[in-house]
């Protein structure tokens, strides 16, 4: 299935509340809500998403419409 990375808390990479992909991007998701914190190594930024999947906070480089 290709290279994914490491993950904890689920049987599949895409369902895990904690994962780090092969590019060094780290995703932390609440187990209580669907709020997420993405540490995006590729784009040099940190993004905080609310429980609806809407990006609310961006720290770092901004490319495009956020």
N, C-alpha and C. Protein backbone atom coordinates (compact mmCIF):
# COMPACT_ATOMS: atom_id res chain seq x y z
N UNK A 1 0.82 -1.21 0.00
CA UNK A 1 0.00 0.00 0.00
C UNK A 1 0.85 1.26 0.00
N UNK A 2 2.13 1.13 -0.18
CA UNK A 2 2.98 2.31 -0.20
C UNK A 2 3.50 2.67 1.18
N UNK A 3 4.33 3.66 1.22
CA UNK A 3 4.93 4.11 2.47
C UNK A 3 4.01 5.10 3.16
N UNK A 4 3.72 4.87 4.43
CA UNK A 4 2.84 5.76 5.16
C UNK A 4 3.58 6.48 6.28
N UNK A 5 4.18 5.75 7.19
CA UNK A 5 4.85 6.34 8.33
C UNK A 5 4.53 5.55 9.58
N UNK A 6 4.53 6.24 10.73
CA UNK A 6 4.21 5.58 11.99
C UNK A 6 2.91 6.16 12.53
N UNK A 7 2.18 5.34 13.31
CA UNK A 7 0.93 5.82 13.89
C UNK A 7 0.60 5.04 15.15
N UNK A 8 -0.24 5.63 15.97
CA UNK A 8 -0.70 5.02 17.23
C UNK A 8 -2.20 5.24 17.36
N UNK A 9 -2.88 4.29 17.98
CA UNK A 9 -4.27 4.48 18.35
C UNK A 9 -5.30 3.95 17.37
N UNK A 10 -4.89 3.30 16.31
CA UNK A 10 -5.84 2.74 15.34
C UNK A 10 -5.14 1.65 14.54
N UNK A 11 -5.93 0.84 13.87
CA UNK A 11 -5.35 -0.23 13.04
C UNK A 11 -4.83 0.30 11.71
N UNK A 12 -5.39 1.41 11.24
CA UNK A 12 -4.98 1.98 9.95
C UNK A 12 -4.37 3.37 10.14
N UNK A 13 -3.39 3.69 9.32
CA UNK A 13 -2.71 4.99 9.36
C UNK A 13 -3.71 6.14 9.26
N UNK A 14 -4.65 6.04 8.32
CA UNK A 14 -5.60 7.14 8.07
C UNK A 14 -6.59 7.35 9.21
N UNK A 15 -6.77 6.36 10.08
CA UNK A 15 -7.71 6.48 11.20
C UNK A 15 -7.05 6.85 12.52
N UNK A 16 -5.73 6.90 12.55
CA UNK A 16 -5.00 7.08 13.80
C UNK A 16 -5.08 8.51 14.34
N UNK A 17 -5.28 8.67 15.66
CA UNK A 17 -5.28 10.00 16.24
C UNK A 17 -3.89 10.62 16.35
N UNK A 18 -2.84 9.80 16.18
CA UNK A 18 -1.48 10.30 16.15
C UNK A 18 -0.75 9.62 15.00
N UNK A 19 -0.15 10.43 14.13
CA UNK A 19 0.63 9.85 13.03
C UNK A 19 1.73 10.80 12.59
N UNK A 20 2.78 10.20 12.03
CA UNK A 20 3.87 10.96 11.42
C UNK A 20 4.12 10.30 10.07
N UNK A 21 3.97 11.07 8.98
CA UNK A 21 4.17 10.47 7.66
C UNK A 21 5.64 10.48 7.27
N UNK A 22 5.95 9.94 6.12
CA UNK A 22 7.34 9.79 5.68
C UNK A 22 8.02 11.12 5.37
N UNK A 23 7.24 12.21 5.25
CA UNK A 23 7.80 13.54 5.03
C UNK A 23 8.02 14.30 6.34
N UNK A 24 7.64 13.69 7.48
CA UNK A 24 7.82 14.33 8.77
C UNK A 24 6.64 15.15 9.24
N UNK A 25 5.52 15.09 8.54
CA UNK A 25 4.31 15.79 8.96
C UNK A 25 3.66 15.02 10.10
N UNK A 26 3.36 15.72 11.20
CA UNK A 26 2.77 15.08 12.37
C UNK A 26 1.34 15.54 12.53
N UNK A 27 0.43 14.60 12.75
CA UNK A 27 -0.98 14.90 12.94
C UNK A 27 -1.42 14.39 14.31
N UNK A 28 -2.02 15.28 15.10
CA UNK A 28 -2.57 14.93 16.40
C UNK A 28 -4.05 15.26 16.37
N UNK A 29 -4.88 14.27 16.67
CA UNK A 29 -6.32 14.50 16.64
C UNK A 29 -6.92 14.12 17.98
N UNK A 30 -7.83 14.94 18.46
CA UNK A 30 -8.52 14.67 19.71
C UNK A 30 -9.35 13.39 19.59
N UNK A 31 -9.39 12.61 20.65
CA UNK A 31 -10.26 11.44 20.65
C UNK A 31 -11.66 11.80 21.15
N UNK A 32 -11.83 13.03 21.64
CA UNK A 32 -13.12 13.49 22.14
C UNK A 32 -13.90 14.23 21.03
N UNK A 33 -13.20 14.98 20.20
CA UNK A 33 -13.84 15.68 19.07
C UNK A 33 -12.96 15.45 17.84
N UNK A 34 -13.32 16.04 16.73
CA UNK A 34 -12.51 15.87 15.52
C UNK A 34 -11.55 17.03 15.30
N UNK A 35 -11.28 17.83 16.36
CA UNK A 35 -10.29 18.90 16.27
C UNK A 35 -8.91 18.28 16.03
N UNK A 36 -8.07 18.96 15.23
CA UNK A 36 -6.76 18.41 14.88
C UNK A 36 -5.68 19.47 14.94
N UNK A 37 -4.46 19.03 15.18
CA UNK A 37 -3.26 19.85 15.10
C UNK A 37 -2.34 19.19 14.10
N UNK A 38 -1.95 19.93 13.07
CA UNK A 38 -1.06 19.41 12.03
C UNK A 38 0.26 20.17 12.08
N UNK A 39 1.35 19.44 12.29
CA UNK A 39 2.68 20.03 12.16
C UNK A 39 3.17 19.63 10.79
N UNK A 40 3.16 20.59 9.88
CA UNK A 40 3.40 20.38 8.45
C UNK A 40 4.85 20.71 8.13
N UNK A 41 5.70 19.69 8.14
CA UNK A 41 7.13 19.89 7.89
C UNK A 41 7.41 20.29 6.44
N UNK A 42 6.62 19.79 5.52
CA UNK A 42 6.83 20.07 4.09
C UNK A 42 6.60 21.55 3.80
N UNK A 43 5.55 22.14 4.38
CA UNK A 43 5.21 23.54 4.12
C UNK A 43 5.64 24.49 5.23
N UNK A 44 6.40 24.00 6.20
CA UNK A 44 6.95 24.81 7.31
C UNK A 44 5.87 25.59 8.05
N UNK A 45 4.85 24.86 8.55
CA UNK A 45 3.78 25.54 9.28
C UNK A 45 3.08 24.59 10.23
N UNK A 46 2.32 25.18 11.14
CA UNK A 46 1.47 24.45 12.08
C UNK A 46 0.05 24.95 11.85
N UNK A 47 -0.88 24.03 11.70
CA UNK A 47 -2.28 24.39 11.45
C UNK A 47 -3.16 23.73 12.51
N UNK A 48 -4.08 24.50 13.10
CA UNK A 48 -5.05 23.98 14.05
C UNK A 48 -6.42 24.00 13.39
N UNK A 49 -7.05 22.83 13.34
CA UNK A 49 -8.39 22.68 12.75
C UNK A 49 -9.42 22.51 13.86
N UNK A 50 -10.59 23.12 13.70
CA UNK A 50 -11.65 22.94 14.68
C UNK A 50 -12.37 21.62 14.43
N UNK A 51 -13.39 21.34 15.24
CA UNK A 51 -14.11 20.07 15.15
C UNK A 51 -14.86 19.87 13.84
N UNK A 52 -15.02 20.94 13.06
CA UNK A 52 -15.68 20.85 11.75
C UNK A 52 -14.69 20.73 10.61
N UNK A 53 -13.41 20.63 10.92
CA UNK A 53 -12.38 20.52 9.89
C UNK A 53 -11.97 21.84 9.27
N UNK A 54 -12.38 22.95 9.89
CA UNK A 54 -12.04 24.29 9.38
C UNK A 54 -10.72 24.74 10.01
N UNK A 55 -9.77 25.16 9.20
CA UNK A 55 -8.49 25.66 9.70
C UNK A 55 -8.73 26.99 10.41
N UNK A 56 -8.38 27.06 11.69
CA UNK A 56 -8.63 28.25 12.50
C UNK A 56 -7.36 29.01 12.84
N UNK A 57 -6.23 28.32 12.96
CA UNK A 57 -4.97 28.96 13.33
C UNK A 57 -3.88 28.46 12.39
N UNK A 58 -3.09 29.39 11.88
CA UNK A 58 -1.97 29.05 11.02
C UNK A 58 -0.73 29.76 11.55
N UNK A 59 0.29 28.98 11.85
CA UNK A 59 1.57 29.53 12.27
C UNK A 59 2.60 29.10 11.24
N UNK A 60 3.29 30.05 10.65
CA UNK A 60 4.30 29.71 9.66
C UNK A 60 3.97 30.27 8.29
N UNK A 61 4.49 29.61 7.29
CA UNK A 61 4.36 30.06 5.91
C UNK A 61 2.93 29.96 5.41
N UNK A 62 2.49 30.98 4.71
CA UNK A 62 1.14 31.03 4.16
C UNK A 62 1.22 31.05 2.65
N UNK A 63 0.67 30.03 2.01
CA UNK A 63 0.60 29.97 0.55
C UNK A 63 -0.85 29.77 0.16
N UNK A 64 -1.40 30.67 -0.59
CA UNK A 64 -2.77 30.51 -1.06
C UNK A 64 -3.78 31.09 -0.10
N UNK A 65 -5.00 30.66 -0.20
CA UNK A 65 -6.09 31.23 0.58
C UNK A 65 -6.41 30.45 1.83
N UNK A 66 -5.99 30.94 2.94
CA UNK A 66 -6.33 30.35 4.23
C UNK A 66 -7.02 31.37 5.07
